[in-house]
Amino acid sequence: MAYEPIPTDLYETSLKKFLNTYLKSKSDVEALVKDIKKNPRQRGTPIPSFKGLLWKARGAMKAYNIGKSGGIRLIYYFDGDALYLIFLYCKRQMANPPQEDLRKWLKANKFITDEP
């Protein structure tokens, strides 16, 4: 079953920032999202302390000759029914977004209601 991803405002903002720096990677982002749509639980790995609701997928940036280990990171929310794209970044720019910032954003947007 394919899920239709719902981009959040935070995702849209992070995508614009990412593409301002890595314009040639637009097709890589699209391919990563397409893979996530097919099977969100197999494409990404759960982020610890978010009860299996927040996931991180890794993707290569082929136009820049950057593999998965240093490439695209896409944070998404998946609860078995809905798939939300949360945040996109490049591993070379940021190792990981601060979990506390993610937690605050998720609570403010009612993805979680209590401390995971």
N, C-alpha and C. Protein backbone atom coordinates (compact mmCIF):
# COMPACT_ATOMS: atom_id res chain seq x y z
N MET A 1 0.84 -1.19 0.00
CA MET A 1 0.00 0.00 0.00
C MET A 1 0.88 1.24 0.00
N ALA A 2 0.59 2.15 -0.89
CA ALA A 2 1.32 3.41 -0.96
C ALA A 2 0.57 4.47 -0.16
N TYR A 3 1.30 5.25 0.57
CA TYR A 3 0.73 6.33 1.38
C TYR A 3 0.99 7.65 0.69
N GLU A 4 0.05 8.56 0.78
CA GLU A 4 0.24 9.89 0.20
C GLU A 4 0.84 10.79 1.26
N PRO A 5 2.09 11.22 1.07
CA PRO A 5 2.73 12.05 2.09
C PRO A 5 2.12 13.45 2.15
N ILE A 6 2.01 13.95 3.36
CA ILE A 6 1.48 15.29 3.60
C ILE A 6 2.65 16.16 4.07
N PRO A 7 3.07 17.12 3.24
CA PRO A 7 4.18 17.98 3.66
C PRO A 7 3.71 19.01 4.69
N THR A 8 4.50 19.17 5.73
CA THR A 8 4.20 20.18 6.75
C THR A 8 4.86 21.50 6.37
N ASP A 9 4.50 22.57 7.05
CA ASP A 9 5.13 23.87 6.81
C ASP A 9 6.62 23.80 7.11
N LEU A 10 6.98 23.10 8.17
CA LEU A 10 8.40 22.96 8.53
C LEU A 10 9.16 22.24 7.42
N TYR A 11 8.55 21.21 6.85
CA TYR A 11 9.18 20.50 5.73
C TYR A 11 9.36 21.42 4.54
N GLU A 12 8.32 22.15 4.18
CA GLU A 12 8.39 23.05 3.02
C GLU A 12 9.51 24.08 3.21
N THR A 13 9.63 24.62 4.41
CA THR A 13 10.68 25.60 4.70
C THR A 13 12.06 24.96 4.59
N SER A 14 12.21 23.77 5.17
CA SER A 14 13.51 23.09 5.12
C SER A 14 13.85 22.65 3.70
N LEU A 15 12.86 22.27 2.91
CA LEU A 15 13.09 21.89 1.52
C LEU A 15 13.61 23.08 0.72
N LYS A 16 13.00 24.24 0.90
CA LYS A 16 13.46 25.44 0.19
C LYS A 16 14.90 25.78 0.56
N LYS A 17 15.20 25.70 1.84
CA LYS A 17 16.56 25.99 2.31
C LYS A 17 17.54 24.98 1.73
N PHE A 18 17.17 23.71 1.73
CA PHE A 18 18.02 22.66 1.18
C PHE A 18 18.28 22.90 -0.31
N LEU A 19 17.22 23.17 -1.07
CA LEU A 19 17.37 23.35 -2.51
C LEU A 19 18.09 24.64 -2.88
N ASN A 20 18.09 25.63 -1.99
CA ASN A 20 18.88 26.84 -2.24
C ASN A 20 20.36 26.50 -2.28
N THR A 21 20.76 25.51 -1.51
CA THR A 21 22.15 25.09 -1.46
C THR A 21 22.44 23.96 -2.43
N TYR A 22 21.51 23.02 -2.56
CA TYR A 22 21.72 21.81 -3.36
C TYR A 22 20.64 21.66 -4.43
N LEU A 23 20.55 22.62 -5.31
CA LEU A 23 19.51 22.64 -6.33
C LEU A 23 19.50 21.37 -7.19
N LYS A 24 20.67 20.84 -7.49
CA LYS A 24 20.77 19.67 -8.36
C LYS A 24 20.23 18.40 -7.69
N SER A 25 19.91 18.46 -6.41
CA SER A 25 19.43 17.28 -5.69
C SER A 25 17.91 17.19 -5.62
N LYS A 26 17.21 18.02 -6.35
CA LYS A 26 15.74 17.98 -6.32
C LYS A 26 15.23 16.59 -6.70
N SER A 27 15.80 15.98 -7.72
CA SER A 27 15.35 14.65 -8.14
C SER A 27 15.69 13.60 -7.08
N ASP A 28 16.78 13.79 -6.34
CA ASP A 28 17.13 12.87 -5.26
C ASP A 28 16.10 12.94 -4.13
N VAL A 29 15.64 14.15 -3.82
CA VAL A 29 14.61 14.32 -2.78
C VAL A 29 13.31 13.66 -3.25
N GLU A 30 12.95 13.90 -4.50
CA GLU A 30 11.72 13.30 -5.04
C GLU A 30 11.79 11.77 -5.01
N ALA A 31 12.95 11.21 -5.33
CA ALA A 31 13.11 9.75 -5.31
C ALA A 31 13.01 9.21 -3.89
N LEU A 32 13.58 9.93 -2.93
CA LEU A 32 13.50 9.50 -1.54
C LEU A 32 12.06 9.51 -1.04
N VAL A 33 11.33 10.57 -1.35
CA VAL A 33 9.92 10.66 -0.95
C VAL A 33 9.12 9.53 -1.61
N LYS A 34 9.39 9.24 -2.85
CA LYS A 34 8.70 8.16 -3.57
C LYS A 34 8.95 6.82 -2.88
N ASP A 35 10.19 6.58 -2.47
CA ASP A 35 10.52 5.34 -1.76
C ASP A 35 9.80 5.25 -0.42
N ILE A 36 9.76 6.36 0.29
CA ILE A 36 9.09 6.39 1.59
C ILE A 36 7.60 6.10 1.43
N LYS A 37 6.99 6.66 0.39
CA LYS A 37 5.56 6.43 0.13
C LYS A 37 5.23 4.96 0.01
N LYS A 38 6.11 4.20 -0.62
CA LYS A 38 5.85 2.78 -0.87
C LYS A 38 5.77 1.98 0.42
N ASN A 39 6.72 2.22 1.31
CA ASN A 39 6.73 1.47 2.57
C ASN A 39 7.51 2.26 3.62
N PRO A 40 6.82 3.13 4.35
CA PRO A 40 7.49 4.00 5.31
C PRO A 40 8.29 3.27 6.39
N ARG A 41 7.85 2.10 6.78
CA ARG A 41 8.55 1.38 7.85
C ARG A 41 9.81 0.68 7.36
N GLN A 42 9.90 0.38 6.08
CA GLN A 42 11.10 -0.27 5.57
C GLN A 42 12.12 0.74 5.06
N ARG A 43 11.70 1.90 4.64
CA ARG A 43 12.62 2.87 4.05
C ARG A 43 13.41 3.64 5.09
N GLY A 44 12.82 3.86 6.25
CA GLY A 44 13.49 4.65 7.28
C GLY A 44 13.76 3.84 8.52
N THR A 45 14.35 4.51 9.50
CA THR A 45 14.58 3.90 10.80
C THR A 45 13.91 4.78 11.85
N PRO A 46 13.31 4.16 12.87
CA PRO A 46 12.66 4.98 13.90
C PRO A 46 13.67 5.77 14.71
N ILE A 47 13.30 6.98 15.07
CA ILE A 47 14.15 7.82 15.91
C ILE A 47 13.85 7.45 17.36
N PRO A 48 14.87 7.08 18.12
CA PRO A 48 14.64 6.68 19.51
C PRO A 48 13.91 7.76 20.30
N SER A 49 13.12 7.34 21.22
CA SER A 49 12.35 8.17 22.16
C SER A 49 11.09 8.80 21.55
N PHE A 50 10.70 8.39 20.37
CA PHE A 50 9.46 8.90 19.79
C PHE A 50 8.45 7.79 19.53
N LYS A 51 8.58 6.69 20.24
CA LYS A 51 7.61 5.59 20.23
C LYS A 51 7.27 5.06 18.83
N GLY A 52 8.25 5.07 17.94
CA GLY A 52 8.02 4.53 16.61
C GLY A 52 7.17 5.41 15.71
N LEU A 53 6.95 6.64 16.09
CA LEU A 53 6.14 7.56 15.27
C LEU A 53 6.98 8.47 14.39
N LEU A 54 8.21 8.74 14.80
CA LEU A 54 9.09 9.63 14.04
C LEU A 54 10.21 8.80 13.44
N TRP A 55 10.42 8.98 12.16
CA TRP A 55 11.36 8.17 11.39
C TRP A 55 12.35 9.05 10.65
N LYS A 56 13.52 8.47 10.34
CA LYS A 56 14.53 9.18 9.55
C LYS A 56 14.94 8.30 8.38
N ALA A 57 14.86 8.85 7.17
CA ALA A 57 15.31 8.15 5.97
C ALA A 57 16.56 8.85 5.45
N ARG A 58 17.45 8.07 4.87
CA ARG A 58 18.70 8.58 4.33
C ARG A 58 18.71 8.39 2.82
N GLY A 59 19.26 9.37 2.12
CA GLY A 59 19.34 9.26 0.66
C GLY A 59 20.63 9.87 0.13
N ALA A 60 21.06 9.38 -1.02
CA ALA A 60 22.26 9.90 -1.67
C ALA A 60 21.94 11.18 -2.42
N MET A 61 22.99 11.95 -2.68
CA MET A 61 22.88 13.16 -3.50
C MET A 61 23.76 12.93 -4.72
N LYS A 62 23.21 12.25 -5.72
CA LYS A 62 23.98 11.77 -6.86
C LYS A 62 24.67 12.88 -7.65
N ALA A 63 24.01 14.00 -7.82
CA ALA A 63 24.59 15.09 -8.61
C ALA A 63 25.84 15.68 -7.95
N TYR A 64 25.97 15.48 -6.66
CA TYR A 64 27.12 16.01 -5.92
C TYR A 64 28.08 14.88 -5.51
N ASN A 65 27.81 13.67 -6.00
CA ASN A 65 28.63 12.50 -5.69
C ASN A 65 28.76 12.28 -4.18
N ILE A 66 27.64 12.43 -3.50
CA ILE A 66 27.58 12.21 -2.04
C ILE A 66 26.67 11.01 -1.79
N GLY A 67 27.18 10.02 -1.09
CA GLY A 67 26.41 8.82 -0.79
C GLY A 67 25.43 9.04 0.35
N LYS A 68 24.74 7.97 0.73
CA LYS A 68 23.75 8.05 1.79
C LYS A 68 24.35 8.49 3.12
N SER A 69 25.58 8.08 3.40
CA SER A 69 26.16 8.39 4.72
C SER A 69 26.37 9.89 4.94
N GLY A 70 26.51 10.66 3.89
CA GLY A 70 26.70 12.10 4.04
C GLY A 70 25.64 12.92 3.35
N GLY A 71 24.58 12.28 2.89
CA GLY A 71 23.60 12.95 2.04
C GLY A 71 22.35 13.45 2.72
N ILE A 72 21.23 13.23 2.05
CA ILE A 72 19.93 13.74 2.46
C ILE A 72 19.43 12.99 3.69
N ARG A 73 18.78 13.73 4.58
CA ARG A 73 18.06 13.16 5.71
C ARG A 73 16.65 13.72 5.67
N LEU A 74 15.67 12.84 5.76
CA LEU A 74 14.28 13.28 5.78
C LEU A 74 13.63 12.69 7.03
N ILE A 75 13.13 13.56 7.88
CA ILE A 75 12.41 13.17 9.08
C ILE A 75 10.93 13.14 8.73
N TYR A 76 10.28 12.05 9.06
CA TYR A 76 8.84 11.96 8.79
C TYR A 76 8.11 11.29 9.94
N TYR A 77 6.82 11.59 10.01
CA TYR A 77 5.93 11.04 11.03
C TYR A 77 5.06 10.00 10.34
N PHE A 78 5.00 8.80 10.92
CA PHE A 78 4.15 7.75 10.37
C PHE A 78 3.54 6.97 11.51
N ASP A 79 2.21 6.93 11.55
CA ASP A 79 1.51 6.24 12.64
C ASP A 79 0.75 5.00 12.15
N GLY A 80 1.03 4.57 10.94
CA GLY A 80 0.34 3.42 10.36
C GLY A 80 -0.78 3.82 9.43
N ASP A 81 -1.29 5.04 9.59
CA ASP A 81 -2.37 5.54 8.74
C ASP A 81 -1.94 6.76 7.92
N ALA A 82 -1.30 7.71 8.58
CA ALA A 82 -0.92 8.96 7.93
C ALA A 82 0.59 9.10 7.86
N LEU A 83 1.05 9.74 6.79
CA LEU A 83 2.47 9.97 6.56
C LEU A 83 2.69 11.47 6.36
N TYR A 84 3.41 12.08 7.30
CA TYR A 84 3.71 13.50 7.24
C TYR A 84 5.21 13.71 7.06
N LEU A 85 5.57 14.54 6.10
CA LEU A 85 6.96 14.93 5.91
C LEU A 85 7.23 16.08 6.86
N ILE A 86 8.23 15.92 7.74
CA ILE A 86 8.47 16.88 8.81
C ILE A 86 9.64 17.81 8.53
N PHE A 87 10.81 17.25 8.17
CA PHE A 87 12.02 18.07 8.09
C PHE A 87 13.02 17.42 7.15
N LEU A 88 13.68 18.23 6.32
CA LEU A 88 14.68 17.76 5.38
C LEU A 88 15.99 18.52 5.61
N TYR A 89 17.10 17.80 5.57
CA TYR A 89 18.39 18.45 5.72
C TYR A 89 19.49 17.58 5.11
N CYS A 90 20.68 18.14 5.03
CA CYS A 90 21.84 17.42 4.54
C CYS A 90 22.75 17.09 5.72
N LYS A 91 23.20 15.87 5.78
CA LYS A 91 24.07 15.43 6.88
C LYS A 91 25.32 16.29 6.97
N ARG A 92 25.79 16.82 5.86
CA ARG A 92 26.99 17.67 5.87
C ARG A 92 26.74 19.01 6.56
N GLN A 93 25.48 19.42 6.64
CA GLN A 93 25.15 20.69 7.29
C GLN A 93 24.77 20.51 8.75
N MET A 94 24.25 19.34 9.10
CA MET A 94 23.75 19.11 10.45
C MET A 94 23.78 17.60 10.70
N ALA A 95 24.37 17.18 11.80
CA ALA A 95 24.41 15.75 12.10
C ALA A 95 23.00 15.23 12.37
N ASN A 96 22.30 15.88 13.28
CA ASN A 96 20.91 15.54 13.62
C ASN A 96 20.23 16.80 14.12
N PRO A 97 18.95 16.98 13.79
CA PRO A 97 18.24 18.11 14.39
C PRO A 97 18.07 17.83 15.89
N PRO A 98 18.13 18.84 16.73
CA PRO A 98 17.96 18.61 18.16
C PRO A 98 16.61 17.95 18.47
N GLN A 99 16.66 16.85 19.22
CA GLN A 99 15.42 16.13 19.53
C GLN A 99 14.44 17.00 20.30
N GLU A 100 14.94 17.87 21.14
CA GLU A 100 14.03 18.74 21.90
C GLU A 100 13.27 19.67 20.97
N ASP A 101 13.94 20.18 19.93
CA ASP A 101 13.25 21.03 18.95
C ASP A 101 12.18 20.24 18.21
N LEU A 102 12.51 19.02 17.82
CA LEU A 102 11.51 18.17 17.15
C LEU A 102 10.33 17.91 18.07
N ARG A 103 10.61 17.60 19.32
CA ARG A 103 9.55 17.30 20.30
C ARG A 103 8.63 18.51 20.48
N LYS A 104 9.20 19.71 20.61
CA LYS A 104 8.40 20.93 20.76
C LYS A 104 7.52 21.16 19.54
N TRP A 105 8.10 20.97 18.34
CA TRP A 105 7.34 21.18 17.12
C TRP A 105 6.20 20.16 17.03
N LEU A 106 6.50 18.90 17.33
CA LEU A 106 5.47 17.86 17.27
C LEU A 106 4.33 18.13 18.26
N LYS A 107 4.68 18.59 19.46
CA LYS A 107 3.65 18.91 20.44
C LYS A 107 2.83 20.12 20.00
N ALA A 108 3.49 21.15 19.50
CA ALA A 108 2.79 22.37 19.08
C ALA A 108 1.83 22.09 17.92
N ASN A 109 2.17 21.11 17.10
CA ASN A 109 1.32 20.78 15.95
C ASN A 109 0.45 19.54 16.19
N LYS A 110 0.37 19.14 17.46
CA LYS A 110 -0.53 18.08 17.92
C LYS A 110 -0.27 16.70 17.31
N PHE A 111 0.99 16.44 16.96
CA PHE A 111 1.37 15.10 16.53
C PHE A 111 1.56 14.21 17.75
N ILE A 112 2.00 14.80 18.84
CA ILE A 112 2.10 14.09 20.12
C ILE A 112 1.45 14.96 21.18
N THR A 113 0.94 14.33 22.21
CA THR A 113 0.25 15.10 23.25
C THR A 113 0.99 15.10 24.58
N ASP A 114 1.81 14.09 24.81
CA ASP A 114 2.58 14.05 26.05
C ASP A 114 4.02 13.71 25.71
N GLU A 115 4.87 13.75 26.71
CA GLU A 115 6.27 13.45 26.50
C GLU A 115 6.44 12.01 26.06
N PRO A 116 7.05 11.80 24.89
CA PRO A 116 7.26 10.42 24.43
C PRO A 116 8.33 9.72 25.25
